[in-house]
Amino acid sequence: MRTQLQQVSTRFSITLIDELAPERDDLLFVQVEKDQAVPFLTWLQELAGYTHLVFFTAVDFIEEGYFQLTYMVHDYSTHQDLAVLLKLDREDPVVESIHHLWPHAATYQQEMYEMYGIEFPGSPRLHDDFVLEGWDDLPPMRRDFDTRQYSEDTYFPRGGRKSRDTAEYMKEQLYPGEAETW
């Protein structure tokens, strides 16, 4: 597959990333440009044999100002996995939908819209509530979402709770009376 990817690398503007899985012969990583993602994934599915979308996810690289989308596809005939990485600008997180290639991708896209605010124009049910019914705040998986502040603003504080060092607490529970000797 490596040779095949090198041959189409100029056609699709992809870059092989060898250092991400050096110990595995059955896994390759490639970086693709935003405008080439869907044509490249279409080529992978229709001509290269990668017929199964294993997963599709996002990671927020807030310091660098982008989301990294990862499309993991599998070829059953060669037992090869290919991770297609795409950098998406955090300020304008819009990328073409792939639900026409793999219908279950619509569910992944709906989740990424709700959790990260990434738009997938044309994806079915994209703006329907998925998990966060009635949510109107910043998407909670974005790293600039303040979980602590949200909890303090939303939930009533409960008295009587205190923070403990877990290791010390377990020593007290497992070996009562002996904790002072440590």
Protein backbone atom coordinates (compact mmCIF):
# COMPACT_ATOMS: atom_id res chain seq x y z
CA MET A 1 0.00 0.00 0.00
CA ARG A 2 2.90 2.32 0.74
CA THR A 3 4.01 2.21 -2.90
CA GLN A 4 0.47 2.82 -4.13
CA LEU A 5 0.12 5.82 -1.79
CA GLN A 6 3.43 7.26 -2.94
CA GLN A 7 2.24 7.01 -6.55
CA VAL A 8 -0.95 8.99 -5.85
CA SER A 9 0.60 11.39 -3.35
CA THR A 10 0.93 14.21 -5.86
CA ARG A 11 -2.56 13.68 -7.27
CA PHE A 12 -4.16 14.01 -3.82
CA SER A 13 -1.60 16.17 -2.01
CA ILE A 14 -1.02 13.57 0.71
CA THR A 15 1.98 13.11 2.94
CA LEU A 16 2.98 9.77 4.45
CA ILE A 17 3.74 10.00 8.16
CA ASP A 18 6.04 7.11 9.05
CA GLU A 19 6.80 7.99 12.66
CA LEU A 20 3.25 7.45 14.00
CA ALA A 21 3.21 3.64 13.72
CA PRO A 22 6.80 2.47 13.17
CA GLU A 23 6.27 -0.94 14.79
CA ARG A 24 3.20 -1.94 12.74
CA ASP A 25 3.32 -3.09 9.14
CA ASP A 26 -0.48 -3.14 8.87
CA LEU A 27 -1.05 0.52 9.76
CA LEU A 28 -0.15 3.65 7.82
CA PHE A 29 -0.83 7.32 8.53
CA VAL A 30 -1.25 9.97 5.86
CA GLN A 31 -1.92 13.70 6.07
CA VAL A 32 -4.31 15.14 3.48
CA GLU A 33 -5.36 18.69 2.63
CA LYS A 34 -8.95 19.72 3.42
CA ASP A 35 -10.03 20.10 -0.21
CA GLN A 36 -8.58 16.70 -1.08
CA ALA A 37 -10.05 14.70 1.83
CA VAL A 38 -13.27 13.49 0.21
CA PRO A 39 -11.75 12.77 -3.23
CA PHE A 40 -8.94 10.82 -1.53
CA LEU A 41 -11.36 8.88 0.70
CA THR A 42 -13.51 8.14 -2.37
CA TRP A 43 -10.45 6.79 -4.17
CA LEU A 44 -9.55 4.68 -1.13
CA GLN A 45 -13.02 3.16 -0.96
CA GLU A 46 -13.73 2.64 -4.66
CA LEU A 47 -10.32 1.82 -6.10
CA ALA A 48 -7.91 0.93 -3.29
CA GLY A 49 -10.13 -1.51 -1.38
CA TYR A 50 -10.60 0.40 1.89
CA THR A 51 -14.29 -0.43 2.15
CA HIS A 52 -14.77 -0.11 5.93
CA LEU A 53 -14.78 3.13 7.92
CA VAL A 54 -13.56 1.93 11.32
CA PHE A 55 -13.98 5.27 13.07
CA PHE A 56 -13.96 8.99 12.48
CA THR A 57 -12.98 11.38 15.26
CA ALA A 58 -11.57 14.80 16.15
CA VAL A 59 -8.93 16.16 18.53
CA ASP A 60 -8.68 19.83 19.51
CA PHE A 61 -5.18 21.27 19.18
CA ILE A 62 -6.10 24.64 20.65
CA GLU A 63 -2.50 25.88 20.98
CA GLU A 64 -1.91 25.35 17.26
CA GLY A 65 -5.37 26.62 16.26
CA TYR A 66 -6.75 23.53 14.53
CA PHE A 67 -8.81 20.38 14.94
CA GLN A 68 -7.29 17.17 13.69
CA LEU A 69 -9.82 14.87 12.09
CA THR A 70 -8.88 11.20 11.82
CA TYR A 71 -10.60 8.89 9.36
CA MET A 72 -9.56 5.27 10.05
CA VAL A 73 -10.34 2.95 7.14
CA HIS A 74 -9.73 -0.78 6.71
CA ASP A 75 -9.05 -3.04 3.73
CA TYR A 76 -10.35 -6.54 4.45
CA SER A 77 -8.44 -8.17 1.58
CA THR A 78 -5.02 -7.04 2.83
CA HIS A 79 -5.88 -6.53 6.53
CA GLN A 80 -4.40 -3.04 6.29
CA ASP A 81 -5.56 0.00 8.26
CA LEU A 82 -5.02 3.52 7.02
CA ALA A 83 -5.44 6.63 9.17
CA VAL A 84 -6.19 9.71 7.12
CA LEU A 85 -5.39 12.87 9.10
CA LEU A 86 -6.81 16.27 8.25
CA LYS A 87 -6.08 19.61 9.92
CA LEU A 88 -9.13 21.84 10.16
CA ASP A 89 -8.98 25.49 11.19
CA ARG A 90 -10.68 26.05 14.58
CA GLU A 91 -12.02 29.43 13.47
CA ASP A 92 -13.85 27.98 10.47
CA PRO A 93 -14.45 24.28 11.22
CA VAL A 94 -16.26 23.21 8.07
CA VAL A 95 -15.43 20.12 6.02
CA GLU A 96 -17.30 18.15 3.38
CA SER A 97 -19.44 15.24 4.59
CA ILE A 98 -18.52 11.61 3.87
CA HIS A 99 -21.94 10.12 4.67
CA HIS A 100 -22.42 9.27 0.98
CA LEU A 101 -19.38 6.96 1.18
CA TRP A 102 -20.18 5.36 4.54
CA PRO A 103 -23.74 6.03 5.80
CA HIS A 104 -22.72 5.47 9.44
CA ALA A 105 -20.34 8.44 9.14
CA ALA A 106 -23.41 10.66 9.59
CA THR A 107 -23.53 9.58 13.24
CA TYR A 108 -19.86 10.44 13.78
CA GLN A 109 -20.41 13.79 12.07
CA GLN A 110 -23.46 14.55 14.20
CA GLU A 111 -21.42 13.84 17.34
CA MET A 112 -18.51 16.01 16.18
CA TYR A 113 -20.88 18.85 15.37
CA GLU A 114 -22.42 18.69 18.83
CA MET A 115 -19.19 18.15 20.78
CA TYR A 116 -16.74 20.31 18.78
CA GLY A 117 -18.90 22.56 16.59
CA ILE A 118 -17.50 21.12 13.35
CA GLU A 119 -19.87 21.61 10.41
CA PHE A 120 -20.42 18.93 7.75
CA PRO A 121 -22.67 20.55 5.11
CA GLY A 122 -25.24 18.16 3.68
CA SER A 123 -24.90 15.59 6.45
CA PRO A 124 -28.33 14.25 7.47
CA ARG A 125 -29.67 15.15 10.95
CA LEU A 126 -26.53 17.17 11.65
CA HIS A 127 -28.32 19.85 13.67
CA ASP A 128 -30.67 17.47 15.51
CA ASP A 129 -29.95 16.94 19.21
CA PHE A 130 -27.70 13.92 19.62
CA VAL A 131 -26.63 13.67 23.26
CA LEU A 132 -26.80 17.23 24.57
CA GLU A 133 -30.50 17.95 24.30
CA GLY A 134 -31.17 21.69 24.44
CA TRP A 135 -27.47 22.59 24.71
CA ASP A 136 -26.73 26.19 23.75
CA ASP A 137 -23.26 26.71 25.25
CA LEU A 138 -19.80 26.31 23.71
CA PRO A 139 -19.36 22.69 22.51
CA PRO A 140 -18.04 20.79 25.55
CA MET A 141 -15.17 18.90 23.91
CA ARG A 142 -13.49 22.09 22.75
CA ARG A 143 -10.54 22.74 24.99
CA ASP A 144 -11.61 26.33 25.63
CA PHE A 145 -14.81 25.05 27.31
CA ASP A 146 -14.39 25.56 31.08
CA THR A 147 -15.76 22.37 32.65
CA ARG A 148 -15.18 23.53 36.20
CA GLN A 149 -16.93 26.85 35.67
CA TYR A 150 -19.84 25.10 33.96
CA SER A 151 -20.20 22.69 36.90
CA GLU A 152 -20.05 25.50 39.46
CA ASP A 153 -22.66 27.52 37.54
CA THR A 154 -24.96 24.58 36.87
CA TYR A 155 -24.91 22.28 39.88
CA PHE A 156 -25.75 23.01 43.50
CA PRO A 157 -22.67 22.59 45.74
CA ARG A 158 -22.92 19.73 48.20
CA GLY A 159 -21.47 20.20 51.65
CA GLY A 160 -19.49 17.61 53.54
CA ARG A 161 -17.22 16.59 50.73
CA LYS A 162 -13.50 16.90 51.08
CA SER A 163 -10.60 16.07 48.87
CA ARG A 164 -8.15 13.38 49.96
CA ASP A 165 -4.89 11.96 48.77
CA THR A 166 -6.01 8.68 47.20
CA ALA A 167 -2.88 6.71 48.17
CA GLU A 168 -3.09 7.79 51.81
CA TYR A 169 -6.82 7.11 51.97
CA MET A 170 -6.36 3.57 50.61
CA LYS A 171 -3.59 2.87 53.12
CA GLU A 172 -5.94 3.95 55.93
CA GLN A 173 -8.75 1.76 54.60
CA LEU A 174 -6.64 -1.32 53.88
CA TYR A 175 -4.27 -1.13 56.86
CA PRO A 176 -6.04 0.71 59.69
CA GLY A 177 -3.70 1.79 62.46
CA GLU A 178 -0.55 1.16 60.40
CA ALA A 179 -0.75 4.32 58.28
CA GLU A 180 1.17 6.32 60.89
CA THR A 181 4.27 4.11 60.44
CA TRP A 182 4.67 5.03 56.76
